[in-house]
Amino acid sequence: MRTIARRLGFAVVLWAILFVAAIPLLPLQATNLAAFKAVMAMLGSLVGGAFAGYYFLSIERDYLREAIVTAVTWIVVNWLLDVVALLPFTHQTLPQYFMEIGIEYLGMFGPVIAIGYLLEKKAAGKPGVYS
């Protein structure tokens, strides 16, 4: 139960950090949407990667399974929070949201799954690709 609460808590805090970080960048969104998206993707990768690293410090087994569940949880929670907090202000339809914003959350899979995969291999005592 504690793991579920931590997973959900990390997801909410991750979303909140990105949401708050986007506010001062709104003028950039209006003038250069590509730059805004690039900055937000970079922030999402940095914060998400740091959170994933910290999150896995307390995980002791089933790393890959935990990574998959965590990545899916974080993405779904971020989508739900965006639908509740962001869509009313942007007046986007759900398909528009997913094509313009929501799809970018899928980038969370990479770092989280990579950490889980590597920890799983290390725990199994298997050498890495470059060993």
N, C-alpha and C. Protein backbone atom coordinates (compact mmCIF):
# COMPACT_ATOMS: atom_id res chain seq x y z
N MET A 1 0.83 -1.20 0.00
CA MET A 1 0.00 0.00 0.00
C MET A 1 0.87 1.26 0.00
N ARG A 2 1.96 1.19 0.75
CA ARG A 2 2.87 2.35 0.82
C ARG A 2 3.47 2.66 -0.55
N THR A 3 3.79 1.60 -1.31
CA THR A 3 4.36 1.79 -2.64
C THR A 3 3.36 2.46 -3.56
N ILE A 4 2.10 2.06 -3.48
CA ILE A 4 1.06 2.67 -4.31
C ILE A 4 0.91 4.15 -3.98
N ALA A 5 0.89 4.47 -2.69
CA ALA A 5 0.77 5.87 -2.27
C ALA A 5 1.97 6.68 -2.74
N ARG A 6 3.17 6.11 -2.64
CA ARG A 6 4.36 6.83 -3.11
C ARG A 6 4.31 7.04 -4.61
N ARG A 7 3.90 6.00 -5.34
CA ARG A 7 3.81 6.09 -6.79
C ARG A 7 2.84 7.19 -7.20
N LEU A 8 1.67 7.22 -6.58
CA LEU A 8 0.68 8.25 -6.88
C LEU A 8 1.17 9.63 -6.45
N GLY A 9 1.80 9.71 -5.29
CA GLY A 9 2.32 10.99 -4.80
C GLY A 9 3.37 11.56 -5.73
N PHE A 10 4.28 10.71 -6.19
CA PHE A 10 5.30 11.17 -7.13
C PHE A 10 4.65 11.67 -8.42
N ALA A 11 3.61 10.98 -8.88
CA ALA A 11 2.93 11.38 -10.11
C ALA A 11 2.30 12.76 -9.97
N VAL A 12 1.65 13.00 -8.85
CA VAL A 12 0.99 14.30 -8.62
C VAL A 12 2.03 15.41 -8.51
N VAL A 13 3.09 15.16 -7.77
CA VAL A 13 4.13 16.19 -7.61
C VAL A 13 4.83 16.46 -8.94
N LEU A 14 5.09 15.43 -9.71
CA LEU A 14 5.68 15.60 -11.03
C LEU A 14 4.80 16.48 -11.90
N TRP A 15 3.51 16.18 -11.92
CA TRP A 15 2.57 17.00 -12.70
C TRP A 15 2.57 18.45 -12.22
N ALA A 16 2.53 18.64 -10.89
CA ALA A 16 2.47 19.99 -10.33
C ALA A 16 3.72 20.80 -10.68
N ILE A 17 4.87 20.17 -10.62
CA ILE A 17 6.11 20.88 -10.96
C ILE A 17 6.08 21.33 -12.42
N LEU A 18 5.66 20.45 -13.30
CA LEU A 18 5.61 20.81 -14.73
C LEU A 18 4.53 21.86 -14.99
N PHE A 19 3.42 21.75 -14.31
CA PHE A 19 2.34 22.72 -14.48
C PHE A 19 2.80 24.11 -14.04
N VAL A 20 3.42 24.18 -12.87
CA VAL A 20 3.90 25.47 -12.35
C VAL A 20 5.03 26.01 -13.23
N ALA A 21 5.91 25.13 -13.70
CA ALA A 21 7.01 25.57 -14.57
C ALA A 21 6.51 26.13 -15.89
N ALA A 22 5.36 25.65 -16.35
CA ALA A 22 4.82 26.12 -17.63
C ALA A 22 4.26 27.53 -17.54
N ILE A 23 3.84 27.95 -16.37
CA ILE A 23 3.17 29.26 -16.23
C ILE A 23 4.05 30.41 -16.70
N PRO A 24 5.30 30.53 -16.22
CA PRO A 24 6.11 31.65 -16.72
C PRO A 24 6.53 31.49 -18.18
N LEU A 25 6.34 30.30 -18.73
CA LEU A 25 6.71 30.06 -20.12
C LEU A 25 5.56 30.29 -21.09
N LEU A 26 4.40 30.68 -20.59
CA LEU A 26 3.25 30.89 -21.47
C LEU A 26 3.50 31.93 -22.56
N PRO A 27 4.23 33.03 -22.29
CA PRO A 27 4.53 33.95 -23.40
C PRO A 27 5.34 33.26 -24.51
N LEU A 28 6.23 32.36 -24.13
CA LEU A 28 7.00 31.62 -25.13
C LEU A 28 6.08 30.72 -25.95
N GLN A 29 5.08 30.15 -25.31
CA GLN A 29 4.12 29.31 -26.03
C GLN A 29 3.40 30.12 -27.11
N ALA A 30 3.09 31.36 -26.79
CA ALA A 30 2.38 32.21 -27.74
C ALA A 30 3.26 32.63 -28.91
N THR A 31 4.56 32.79 -28.67
CA THR A 31 5.45 33.28 -29.72
C THR A 31 6.20 32.18 -30.45
N ASN A 32 6.52 31.10 -29.75
CA ASN A 32 7.30 30.01 -30.36
C ASN A 32 6.88 28.69 -29.73
N LEU A 33 5.83 28.10 -30.27
CA LEU A 33 5.27 26.87 -29.71
C LEU A 33 6.28 25.74 -29.69
N ALA A 34 7.09 25.63 -30.74
CA ALA A 34 8.09 24.55 -30.79
C ALA A 34 9.10 24.68 -29.66
N ALA A 35 9.55 25.89 -29.38
CA ALA A 35 10.50 26.11 -28.29
C ALA A 35 9.85 25.79 -26.94
N PHE A 36 8.61 26.20 -26.77
CA PHE A 36 7.88 25.91 -25.53
C PHE A 36 7.79 24.40 -25.32
N LYS A 37 7.41 23.67 -26.35
CA LYS A 37 7.28 22.21 -26.24
C LYS A 37 8.63 21.57 -25.95
N ALA A 38 9.69 22.08 -26.56
CA ALA A 38 11.02 21.53 -26.33
C ALA A 38 11.45 21.74 -24.88
N VAL A 39 11.21 22.94 -24.37
CA VAL A 39 11.58 23.23 -22.97
C VAL A 39 10.77 22.35 -22.03
N MET A 40 9.48 22.19 -22.28
CA MET A 40 8.64 21.37 -21.41
C MET A 40 9.04 19.90 -21.48
N ALA A 41 9.39 19.43 -22.67
CA ALA A 41 9.84 18.04 -22.81
C ALA A 41 11.14 17.83 -22.05
N MET A 42 12.05 18.81 -22.14
CA MET A 42 13.32 18.71 -21.42
C MET A 42 13.08 18.72 -19.92
N LEU A 43 12.22 19.62 -19.45
CA LEU A 43 11.91 19.65 -18.01
C LEU A 43 11.26 18.36 -17.56
N GLY A 44 10.35 17.84 -18.36
CA GLY A 44 9.70 16.58 -18.03
C GLY A 44 10.69 15.43 -17.93
N SER A 45 11.66 15.40 -18.85
CA SER A 45 12.68 14.36 -18.81
C SER A 45 13.57 14.49 -17.58
N LEU A 46 13.99 15.71 -17.30
CA LEU A 46 14.87 15.92 -16.14
C LEU A 46 14.17 15.61 -14.82
N VAL A 47 13.01 16.17 -14.64
CA VAL A 47 12.28 15.97 -13.39
C VAL A 47 11.82 14.51 -13.28
N GLY A 48 11.27 13.97 -14.38
CA GLY A 48 10.83 12.58 -14.36
C GLY A 48 11.96 11.61 -14.11
N GLY A 49 13.11 11.84 -14.74
CA GLY A 49 14.27 10.99 -14.52
C GLY A 49 14.77 11.06 -13.08
N ALA A 50 14.83 12.28 -12.54
CA ALA A 50 15.26 12.44 -11.15
C ALA A 50 14.28 11.77 -10.19
N PHE A 51 13.00 11.95 -10.43
CA PHE A 51 11.99 11.31 -9.59
C PHE A 51 12.08 9.79 -9.69
N ALA A 52 12.28 9.27 -10.89
CA ALA A 52 12.37 7.83 -11.07
C ALA A 52 13.58 7.28 -10.32
N GLY A 53 14.71 7.95 -10.44
CA GLY A 53 15.90 7.52 -9.71
C GLY A 53 15.67 7.49 -8.21
N TYR A 54 15.08 8.54 -7.69
CA TYR A 54 14.80 8.61 -6.25
C TYR A 54 13.75 7.57 -5.85
N TYR A 55 12.73 7.41 -6.66
CA TYR A 55 11.66 6.45 -6.37
C TYR A 55 12.22 5.04 -6.24
N PHE A 56 13.13 4.67 -7.13
CA PHE A 56 13.65 3.30 -7.12
C PHE A 56 14.64 3.03 -6.00
N LEU A 57 15.04 4.03 -5.27
CA LEU A 57 15.91 3.78 -4.11
C LEU A 57 15.22 2.90 -3.07
N SER A 58 13.90 2.98 -3.01
CA SER A 58 13.17 2.21 -1.99
C SER A 58 12.57 0.91 -2.55
N ILE A 59 12.78 0.63 -3.81
CA ILE A 59 12.25 -0.59 -4.41
C ILE A 59 13.31 -1.69 -4.28
N GLU A 60 12.89 -2.86 -3.82
CA GLU A 60 13.86 -3.91 -3.52
C GLU A 60 13.77 -5.14 -4.42
N ARG A 61 12.74 -5.23 -5.26
CA ARG A 61 12.61 -6.40 -6.14
C ARG A 61 11.61 -6.09 -7.26
N ASP A 62 11.52 -7.00 -8.21
CA ASP A 62 10.59 -6.86 -9.33
C ASP A 62 10.72 -5.48 -10.00
N TYR A 63 11.94 -5.11 -10.28
CA TYR A 63 12.23 -3.76 -10.77
C TYR A 63 11.55 -3.45 -12.11
N LEU A 64 11.62 -4.37 -13.04
CA LEU A 64 11.02 -4.10 -14.34
C LEU A 64 9.51 -4.00 -14.24
N ARG A 65 8.89 -4.89 -13.50
CA ARG A 65 7.44 -4.82 -13.30
C ARG A 65 7.07 -3.51 -12.63
N GLU A 66 7.82 -3.13 -11.61
CA GLU A 66 7.56 -1.88 -10.91
C GLU A 66 7.74 -0.69 -11.84
N ALA A 67 8.72 -0.75 -12.72
CA ALA A 67 8.95 0.34 -13.67
C ALA A 67 7.77 0.49 -14.62
N ILE A 68 7.26 -0.62 -15.11
CA ILE A 68 6.13 -0.57 -16.05
C ILE A 68 4.90 -0.01 -15.35
N VAL A 69 4.61 -0.52 -14.16
CA VAL A 69 3.43 -0.04 -13.41
C VAL A 69 3.60 1.44 -13.06
N THR A 70 4.79 1.83 -12.66
CA THR A 70 5.05 3.22 -12.29
C THR A 70 4.90 4.14 -13.50
N ALA A 71 5.49 3.77 -14.62
CA ALA A 71 5.40 4.61 -15.83
C ALA A 71 3.94 4.77 -16.25
N VAL A 72 3.20 3.69 -16.28
CA VAL A 72 1.79 3.77 -16.67
C VAL A 72 1.01 4.63 -15.68
N THR A 73 1.26 4.44 -14.39
CA THR A 73 0.57 5.24 -13.36
C THR A 73 0.88 6.71 -13.53
N TRP A 74 2.14 7.06 -13.68
CA TRP A 74 2.52 8.47 -13.81
C TRP A 74 1.88 9.10 -15.04
N ILE A 75 1.86 8.37 -16.14
CA ILE A 75 1.27 8.91 -17.36
C ILE A 75 -0.23 9.12 -17.20
N VAL A 76 -0.92 8.11 -16.68
CA VAL A 76 -2.37 8.22 -16.51
C VAL A 76 -2.74 9.32 -15.54
N VAL A 77 -2.03 9.42 -14.42
CA VAL A 77 -2.31 10.49 -13.44
C VAL A 77 -2.07 11.85 -14.08
N ASN A 78 -1.00 12.01 -14.83
CA ASN A 78 -0.73 13.28 -15.50
C ASN A 78 -1.82 13.61 -16.50
N TRP A 79 -2.28 12.63 -17.25
CA TRP A 79 -3.37 12.85 -18.19
C TRP A 79 -4.64 13.29 -17.46
N LEU A 80 -4.98 12.57 -16.39
CA LEU A 80 -6.20 12.92 -15.64
C LEU A 80 -6.13 14.32 -15.06
N LEU A 81 -4.99 14.67 -14.48
CA LEU A 81 -4.84 16.01 -13.90
C LEU A 81 -4.90 17.08 -14.99
N ASP A 82 -4.32 16.80 -16.15
CA ASP A 82 -4.41 17.75 -17.26
C ASP A 82 -5.86 17.92 -17.71
N VAL A 83 -6.60 16.83 -17.81
CA VAL A 83 -7.99 16.91 -18.25
C VAL A 83 -8.80 17.75 -17.28
N VAL A 84 -8.54 17.60 -15.98
CA VAL A 84 -9.28 18.35 -14.97
C VAL A 84 -8.81 19.80 -14.89
N ALA A 85 -7.51 20.05 -14.91
CA ALA A 85 -6.98 21.38 -14.64
C ALA A 85 -6.62 22.18 -15.89
N LEU A 86 -6.30 21.51 -16.99
CA LEU A 86 -5.79 22.22 -18.16
C LEU A 86 -6.84 22.40 -19.25
N LEU A 87 -7.57 21.35 -19.53
CA LEU A 87 -8.54 21.41 -20.63
C LEU A 87 -9.59 22.50 -20.49
N PRO A 88 -10.10 22.76 -19.29
CA PRO A 88 -11.08 23.85 -19.19
C PRO A 88 -10.54 25.21 -19.63
N PHE A 89 -9.22 25.42 -19.50
CA PHE A 89 -8.63 26.71 -19.86
C PHE A 89 -8.21 26.76 -21.33
N THR A 90 -7.85 25.62 -21.88
CA THR A 90 -7.38 25.61 -23.27
C THR A 90 -8.52 25.41 -24.26
N HIS A 91 -9.64 24.93 -23.78
CA HIS A 91 -10.82 24.67 -24.62
C HIS A 91 -10.51 23.69 -25.75
N GLN A 92 -9.58 22.78 -25.50
CA GLN A 92 -9.24 21.76 -26.48
C GLN A 92 -10.20 20.58 -26.36
N THR A 93 -10.38 19.88 -27.46
CA THR A 93 -11.09 18.61 -27.39
C THR A 93 -10.09 17.57 -26.89
N LEU A 94 -10.59 16.43 -26.44
CA LEU A 94 -9.69 15.37 -25.99
C LEU A 94 -8.73 14.92 -27.11
N PRO A 95 -9.22 14.70 -28.33
CA PRO A 95 -8.26 14.33 -29.38
C PRO A 95 -7.19 15.40 -29.62
N GLN A 96 -7.58 16.67 -29.59
CA GLN A 96 -6.59 17.75 -29.75
C GLN A 96 -5.57 17.70 -28.62
N TYR A 97 -6.07 17.56 -27.39
CA TYR A 97 -5.19 17.50 -26.22
C TYR A 97 -4.16 16.38 -26.38
N PHE A 98 -4.65 15.18 -26.71
CA PHE A 98 -3.73 14.05 -26.80
C PHE A 98 -2.72 14.21 -27.93
N MET A 99 -3.11 14.81 -29.03
CA MET A 99 -2.17 15.00 -30.14
C MET A 99 -1.18 16.13 -29.88
N GLU A 100 -1.57 17.15 -29.12
CA GLU A 100 -0.71 18.30 -28.91
C GLU A 100 0.06 18.26 -27.59
N ILE A 101 -0.51 17.69 -26.56
CA ILE A 101 0.11 17.70 -25.24
C ILE A 101 0.25 16.29 -24.66
N GLY A 102 -0.84 15.59 -24.60
CA GLY A 102 -0.88 14.29 -23.93
C GLY A 102 0.13 13.28 -24.44
N ILE A 103 0.39 13.30 -25.73
CA ILE A 103 1.33 12.35 -26.32
C ILE A 103 2.74 12.53 -25.76
N GLU A 104 3.06 13.73 -25.34
CA GLU A 104 4.41 14.00 -24.82
C GLU A 104 4.68 13.27 -23.50
N TYR A 105 3.63 12.93 -22.76
CA TYR A 105 3.82 12.20 -21.51
C TYR A 105 4.32 10.78 -21.75
N LEU A 106 4.13 10.27 -22.94
CA LEU A 106 4.62 8.92 -23.24
C LEU A 106 6.14 8.84 -23.14
N GLY A 107 6.80 10.00 -23.20
CA GLY A 107 8.24 10.05 -23.02
C GLY A 107 8.69 9.61 -21.64
N MET A 108 7.77 9.55 -20.68
CA MET A 108 8.12 9.09 -19.34
C MET A 108 8.49 7.61 -19.34
N PHE A 109 7.98 6.86 -20.32
CA PHE A 109 8.28 5.44 -20.35
C PHE A 109 9.77 5.17 -20.41
N GLY A 110 10.48 5.92 -21.25
CA GLY A 110 11.89 5.64 -21.48
C GLY A 110 12.75 5.59 -20.24
N PRO A 111 12.88 6.70 -19.51
CA PRO A 111 13.77 6.68 -18.34
C PRO A 111 13.31 5.72 -17.25
N VAL A 112 12.01 5.64 -17.01
CA VAL A 112 11.52 4.78 -15.93
C VAL A 112 11.76 3.31 -16.28
N ILE A 113 11.43 2.92 -17.49
CA ILE A 113 11.63 1.53 -17.90
C ILE A 113 13.12 1.19 -17.95
N ALA A 114 13.95 2.12 -18.42
CA ALA A 114 15.40 1.88 -18.47
C ALA A 114 15.96 1.62 -17.08
N ILE A 115 15.54 2.41 -16.11
CA ILE A 115 16.01 2.21 -14.73
C ILE A 115 15.57 0.84 -14.22
N GLY A 116 14.30 0.51 -14.41
CA GLY A 116 13.80 -0.78 -13.95
C GLY A 116 14.50 -1.95 -14.63
N TYR A 117 14.72 -1.83 -15.92
CA TYR A 117 15.40 -2.90 -16.67
C TYR A 117 16.82 -3.11 -16.16
N LEU A 118 17.55 -2.02 -16.01
CA LEU A 118 18.94 -2.14 -15.55
C LEU A 118 19.03 -2.69 -14.13
N LEU A 119 18.14 -2.24 -13.25
CA LEU A 119 18.14 -2.77 -11.89
C LEU A 119 17.78 -4.25 -11.87
N GLU A 120 16.86 -4.66 -12.73
CA GLU A 120 16.48 -6.07 -12.84
C GLU A 120 17.67 -6.92 -13.27
N LYS A 121 18.40 -6.44 -14.28
CA LYS A 121 19.59 -7.18 -14.74
C LYS A 121 20.66 -7.24 -13.65
N LYS A 122 20.85 -6.14 -12.97
CA LYS A 122 21.86 -6.10 -11.92
C LYS A 122 21.49 -7.03 -10.78
N ALA A 123 20.22 -7.03 -10.40
CA ALA A 123 19.77 -7.90 -9.30
C ALA A 123 19.91 -9.37 -9.68
N ALA A 124 19.74 -9.70 -10.97
CA ALA A 124 19.85 -11.07 -11.42
C ALA A 124 21.31 -11.49 -11.60
N GLY A 125 22.23 -10.54 -11.45
CA GLY A 125 23.64 -10.84 -11.61
C GLY A 125 24.05 -11.04 -13.04
N LYS A 126 23.22 -10.58 -13.97
CA LYS A 126 23.55 -10.72 -15.38
C LYS A 126 24.41 -9.54 -15.82
N PRO A 127 25.40 -9.81 -16.64
CA PRO A 127 26.23 -8.71 -17.10
C PRO A 127 25.45 -7.81 -18.06
N GLY A 128 25.86 -6.57 -18.10
CA GLY A 128 25.23 -5.61 -19.00
C GLY A 128 25.66 -5.85 -20.44
N VAL A 129 25.11 -5.10 -21.31
CA VAL A 129 25.39 -5.23 -22.74
C VAL A 129 26.88 -5.01 -23.02
N TYR A 130 27.50 -4.10 -22.31
CA TYR A 130 28.89 -3.74 -22.58
C TYR A 130 29.87 -4.33 -21.59
N SER A 131 29.45 -5.32 -20.85
CA SER A 131 30.35 -5.94 -19.86
C SER A 131 31.33 -6.86 -20.51
